[in-house]
C-alpha cells in the first residue's frame, strides 16, 4: 500500500521560515504565509520538512489510491519558490491570469517564481483564491 511522504507534521512554520538564509526569499515566504492564510482561512502547517500548507482535503482516485494533501501551499526550493495550488493551469481563465502574472514558470502541479517583486501580487492572489474551495 502506498504511504505518502508529504504529510502534516508538528514542525514549526516560524522555524522553517527563519532558517531561509536569503533575506529577500525569507520575506517573500513570510508574505506568502500571510497571503495564503488570509485567502484560505486556514493556519499554516508544515507538510514534511519543507512545505508550508494551508487546509487539508482527502482525495481518492479510481485506482483506489487515496490520501490527504493541503489546499494551497509553497516551498522555498533551491532556485525558486514553488507555489502549490489546486487545479490545473490549462483553463483559458487561468491561462489569462498567468499571462498577467509576470515572470514565472509552470510545472505539472506547481507555479515557480524567483521573487514576489517579479510578479503582479493581485493576480497571484486571484490564482490562489480561485483554486480554493469556499472558505471555512
Protein backbone atom coordinates (compact mmCIF):
# COMPACT_ATOMS: atom_id res chain seq x y z
CA UNK A 1 0.00 0.00 0.00
CA UNK A 2 1.25 3.47 -0.88
CA UNK A 3 2.28 5.70 2.01
CA UNK A 4 2.55 9.39 1.14
CA UNK A 5 5.82 11.04 2.11
CA UNK A 6 4.32 14.51 2.38
CA UNK A 7 2.15 14.60 5.49
CA UNK A 8 1.32 17.29 8.03
CA UNK A 9 3.90 17.45 10.80
CA UNK A 10 4.31 19.25 14.11
CA UNK A 11 7.25 21.19 12.65
CA UNK A 12 7.38 24.92 13.27
CA UNK A 13 6.49 27.14 10.32
CA UNK A 14 8.26 30.04 12.06
CA UNK A 15 11.45 27.97 12.40
CA UNK A 16 11.26 26.88 8.76
CA UNK A 17 10.88 30.48 7.59
CA UNK A 18 13.61 31.76 9.93
CA UNK A 19 16.05 29.18 8.51
CA UNK A 20 15.77 30.60 4.97
CA UNK A 21 19.15 32.32 4.65
CA UNK A 22 18.37 34.75 1.84
CA UNK A 23 16.58 37.73 3.39
CA UNK A 24 14.51 38.56 0.30
CA UNK A 25 13.39 34.95 -0.07
CA UNK A 26 12.60 34.74 3.66
CA UNK A 27 10.49 37.92 3.47
CA UNK A 28 8.73 36.64 0.34
CA UNK A 29 7.88 33.38 2.10
CA UNK A 30 6.57 35.26 5.12
CA UNK A 31 4.40 37.35 2.79
CA UNK A 32 3.11 34.18 1.10
CA UNK A 33 2.31 32.73 4.52
CA UNK A 34 0.20 35.76 5.42
CA UNK A 35 -1.45 35.85 2.00
CA UNK A 36 -2.37 32.16 1.89
CA UNK A 37 -3.64 32.20 5.46
CA UNK A 38 -5.81 35.24 4.74
CA UNK A 39 -7.17 33.83 1.50
CA UNK A 40 -7.70 30.25 2.69
CA UNK A 41 -8.87 30.91 6.23
CA UNK A 42 -6.52 28.17 7.50
CA UNK A 43 -3.39 28.49 9.63
CA UNK A 44 -0.05 27.41 8.15
CA UNK A 45 1.12 23.85 8.83
CA UNK A 46 4.36 22.16 7.89
CA UNK A 47 3.91 19.28 5.46
CA UNK A 48 7.03 17.20 5.54
CA UNK A 49 10.19 19.15 6.22
CA UNK A 50 9.86 21.85 3.57
CA UNK A 51 6.29 22.66 2.51
CA UNK A 52 4.06 25.19 4.24
CA UNK A 53 0.48 24.09 3.60
CA UNK A 54 -2.94 25.55 4.32
CA UNK A 55 -6.05 23.48 4.92
CA UNK A 56 -6.40 19.82 4.08
CA UNK A 57 -8.50 17.59 1.86
CA UNK A 58 -8.84 13.88 1.24
CA UNK A 59 -8.54 12.50 -2.29
CA UNK A 60 -9.37 9.12 -3.77
CA UNK A 61 -8.56 8.01 -7.31
CA UNK A 62 -10.47 5.44 -9.35
CA UNK A 63 -7.42 3.18 -8.93
CA UNK A 64 -8.12 3.04 -5.19
CA UNK A 65 -5.12 5.21 -4.30
CA UNK A 66 -6.10 7.77 -1.68
CA UNK A 67 -4.52 10.19 0.72
CA UNK A 68 -4.52 13.67 2.17
CA UNK A 69 -2.99 16.87 0.90
CA UNK A 70 -3.08 20.60 1.54
CA UNK A 71 -5.37 23.00 -0.34
CA UNK A 72 -2.63 25.54 -1.09
CA UNK A 73 1.00 25.80 -0.10
CA UNK A 74 4.52 26.78 -1.01
CA UNK A 75 8.10 25.74 -0.51
CA UNK A 76 11.37 27.63 -0.74
CA UNK A 77 13.41 25.49 -3.13
CA UNK A 78 16.97 25.96 -4.32
CA UNK A 79 16.19 28.10 -7.36
CA UNK A 80 12.60 29.22 -6.94
CA UNK A 81 9.64 29.38 -4.64
CA UNK A 82 7.25 26.59 -5.58
CA UNK A 83 3.60 27.56 -5.18
CA UNK A 84 1.18 24.63 -4.98
CA UNK A 85 -2.46 25.25 -5.90
CA UNK A 86 -5.45 23.02 -6.58
CA UNK A 87 -6.50 22.56 -10.16
CA UNK A 88 -4.61 22.78 -13.39
CA UNK A 89 -3.18 25.57 -15.44
CA UNK A 90 -4.92 24.64 -18.68
CA UNK A 91 -8.22 26.53 -18.46
CA UNK A 92 -8.48 29.72 -20.55
CA UNK A 93 -9.27 31.77 -17.42
CA UNK A 94 -6.17 30.53 -15.59
CA UNK A 95 -4.01 30.98 -18.70
CA UNK A 96 -5.24 34.59 -18.94
CA UNK A 97 -4.27 35.21 -15.32
CA UNK A 98 -0.86 33.62 -15.85
CA UNK A 99 -0.34 35.97 -18.80
CA UNK A 100 -0.82 38.87 -16.36
CA UNK A 101 1.26 37.38 -13.54
CA UNK A 102 4.72 38.43 -14.61
CA UNK A 103 7.90 36.37 -14.53
CA UNK A 104 7.12 32.74 -13.65
CA UNK A 105 7.29 29.13 -14.81
CA UNK A 106 4.61 26.48 -14.61
CA UNK A 107 5.19 22.80 -13.98
CA UNK A 108 2.71 19.95 -13.86
CA UNK A 109 1.38 20.93 -10.42
CA UNK A 110 3.48 23.95 -9.45
CA UNK A 111 3.88 27.60 -10.15
CA UNK A 112 7.51 28.71 -9.82
CA UNK A 113 8.57 32.27 -9.00
CA UNK A 114 12.02 33.61 -8.17
CA UNK A 115 10.78 36.51 -6.06
CA UNK A 116 7.50 38.25 -5.40
CA UNK A 117 8.89 41.50 -6.81
CA UNK A 118 8.84 39.81 -10.26
CA UNK A 119 5.10 39.19 -10.25
CA UNK A 120 1.80 41.04 -10.01
CA UNK A 121 0.61 40.27 -6.46
CA UNK A 122 -3.14 40.89 -7.05
CA UNK A 123 -3.01 38.34 -9.89
CA UNK A 124 -1.27 35.80 -7.64
CA UNK A 125 -3.99 36.41 -5.04
CA UNK A 126 -6.64 35.73 -7.70
CA UNK A 127 -4.94 32.48 -8.70
CA UNK A 128 -4.75 31.34 -5.07
CA UNK A 129 -8.32 32.38 -4.24
CA UNK A 130 -9.89 30.71 -7.26
CA UNK A 131 -8.04 27.45 -6.62
CA UNK A 132 -9.52 27.13 -3.11
CA UNK A 133 -12.90 25.71 -2.15
CA UNK A 134 -15.28 28.03 -0.30
CA UNK A 135 -13.74 29.39 2.90
CA UNK A 136 -14.49 27.60 6.17
